[in-house]
Amino acid sequence: MPNLPLTDTEELLAPYKMVRIHKSYIVNVSAITKIEGNTVRINDQVLPIGRNYKETLFQLIGFN
């Protein structure tokens, strides 16, 4: 894959249940094992959820 801006990568991966959770992270929704506060856990990896991405993440996984 060529070096694409994360915004372009995000658009390409959206159909595959990949979502941007932070300015530096795109994750597979099915890999998320826990959401706690402003963090996402994928197995033993803890990643921050950016405030600009939280609403989109919650909509995608069905949190209201």
C-alpha atoms as a PDB file:
ATOM      1  CA  MET A   1       0.000   0.000   0.000  1.00  0.00           C
ATOM      2  CA  PRO A   2       1.448   3.392  -0.906  1.00  0.00           C
ATOM      3  CA  ASN A   3       1.887   6.034   1.759  1.00  0.00           C
ATOM      4  CA  LEU A   4      -1.579   7.530   1.965  1.00  0.00           C
ATOM      5  CA  PRO A   5      -2.748  10.180   4.379  1.00  0.00           C
ATOM      6  CA  LEU A   6      -4.661   8.605   7.260  1.00  0.00           C
ATOM      7  CA  THR A   7      -7.847  10.312   6.055  1.00  0.00           C
ATOM      8  CA  ASP A   8      -7.612   8.512   2.696  1.00  0.00           C
ATOM      9  CA  THR A   9      -6.766   5.229   4.413  1.00  0.00           C
ATOM     10  CA  GLU A  10      -9.765   5.683   6.689  1.00  0.00           C
ATOM     11  CA  GLU A  11     -12.078   6.046   3.675  1.00  0.00           C
ATOM     12  CA  LEU A  12     -10.651   2.931   2.017  1.00  0.00           C
ATOM     13  CA  LEU A  13     -11.035   0.815   5.156  1.00  0.00           C
ATOM     14  CA  ALA A  14     -14.491   2.021   6.285  1.00  0.00           C
ATOM     15  CA  PRO A  15     -16.382  -0.776   4.461  1.00  0.00           C
ATOM     16  CA  TYR A  16     -14.348  -3.312   6.464  1.00  0.00           C
ATOM     17  CA  LYS A  17     -15.591  -2.131   9.884  1.00  0.00           C
ATOM     18  CA  MET A  18     -12.454  -0.102  10.474  1.00  0.00           C
ATOM     19  CA  VAL A  19     -12.937   3.188  12.289  1.00  0.00           C
ATOM     20  CA  ARG A  20     -10.720   6.079  13.209  1.00  0.00           C
ATOM     21  CA  ILE A  21     -10.596   6.567  16.970  1.00  0.00           C
ATOM     22  CA  HIS A  22      -7.818   9.135  17.206  1.00  0.00           C
ATOM     23  CA  LYS A  23      -5.782  11.322  14.866  1.00  0.00           C
ATOM     24  CA  SER A  24      -3.155   8.557  14.874  1.00  0.00           C
ATOM     25  CA  TYR A  25      -5.242   5.354  15.076  1.00  0.00           C
ATOM     26  CA  ILE A  26      -7.641   3.371  12.893  1.00  0.00           C
ATOM     27  CA  VAL A  27      -8.898   0.131  14.456  1.00  0.00           C
ATOM     28  CA  ASN A  28     -10.978  -2.876  13.489  1.00  0.00           C
ATOM     29  CA  VAL A  29     -14.255  -2.588  15.405  1.00  0.00           C
ATOM     30  CA  SER A  30     -14.492  -6.349  15.849  1.00  0.00           C
ATOM     31  CA  ALA A  31     -11.094  -6.387  17.591  1.00  0.00           C
ATOM     32  CA  ILE A  32     -12.191  -4.003  20.358  1.00  0.00           C
ATOM     33  CA  THR A  33     -12.418  -5.920  23.618  1.00  0.00           C
ATOM     34  CA  LYS A  34     -13.370  -3.040  25.920  1.00  0.00           C
ATOM     35  CA  ILE A  35     -14.230   0.654  25.898  1.00  0.00           C
ATOM     36  CA  GLU A  36     -13.562   2.482  29.117  1.00  0.00           C
ATOM     37  CA  GLY A  37     -13.792   6.252  29.450  1.00  0.00           C
ATOM     38  CA  ASN A  38     -11.787   7.714  26.606  1.00  0.00           C
ATOM     39  CA  THR A  39      -9.836   4.562  25.815  1.00  0.00           C
ATOM     40  CA  VAL A  40     -10.277   1.466  23.682  1.00  0.00           C
ATOM     41  CA  ARG A  41      -8.728  -1.850  24.636  1.00  0.00           C
ATOM     42  CA  ILE A  42      -7.695  -4.347  21.997  1.00  0.00           C
ATOM     43  CA  ASN A  43      -6.409  -7.373  23.908  1.00  0.00           C
ATOM     44  CA  ASP A  44      -3.723  -5.861  26.153  1.00  0.00           C
ATOM     45  CA  GLN A  45      -3.194  -2.720  24.047  1.00  0.00           C
ATOM     46  CA  VAL A  46      -4.858   0.481  25.332  1.00  0.00           C
ATOM     47  CA  LEU A  47      -5.464   3.249  22.797  1.00  0.00           C
ATOM     48  CA  PRO A  48      -6.918   6.721  23.337  1.00  0.00           C
ATOM     49  CA  ILE A  49     -10.207   7.816  21.791  1.00  0.00           C
ATOM     50  CA  GLY A  50      -9.983  11.361  20.462  1.00  0.00           C
ATOM     51  CA  ARG A  51     -12.903  13.602  21.342  1.00  0.00           C
ATOM     52  CA  ASN A  52     -13.492  14.310  17.636  1.00  0.00           C
ATOM     53  CA  TYR A  53     -13.901  10.588  16.892  1.00  0.00           C
ATOM     54  CA  LYS A  54     -15.836   9.338  19.929  1.00  0.00           C
ATOM     55  CA  GLU A  55     -19.345  10.001  18.581  1.00  0.00           C
ATOM     56  CA  THR A  56     -18.627   8.228  15.282  1.00  0.00           C
ATOM     57  CA  LEU A  57     -17.165   5.220  17.102  1.00  0.00           C
ATOM     58  CA  PHE A  58     -20.163   4.971  19.430  1.00  0.00           C
ATOM     59  CA  GLN A  59     -22.615   5.225  16.511  1.00  0.00           C
ATOM     60  CA  LEU A  60     -20.815   2.467  14.638  1.00  0.00           C
ATOM     61  CA  ILE A  61     -20.814   0.051  17.567  1.00  0.00           C
ATOM     62  CA  GLY A  62     -24.350   0.906  18.672  1.00  0.00           C
ATOM     63  CA  PHE A  63     -23.700   2.937  21.823  1.00  0.00           C
ATOM     64  CA  ASN A  64     -26.239   5.733  22.136  1.00  0.00           C
END
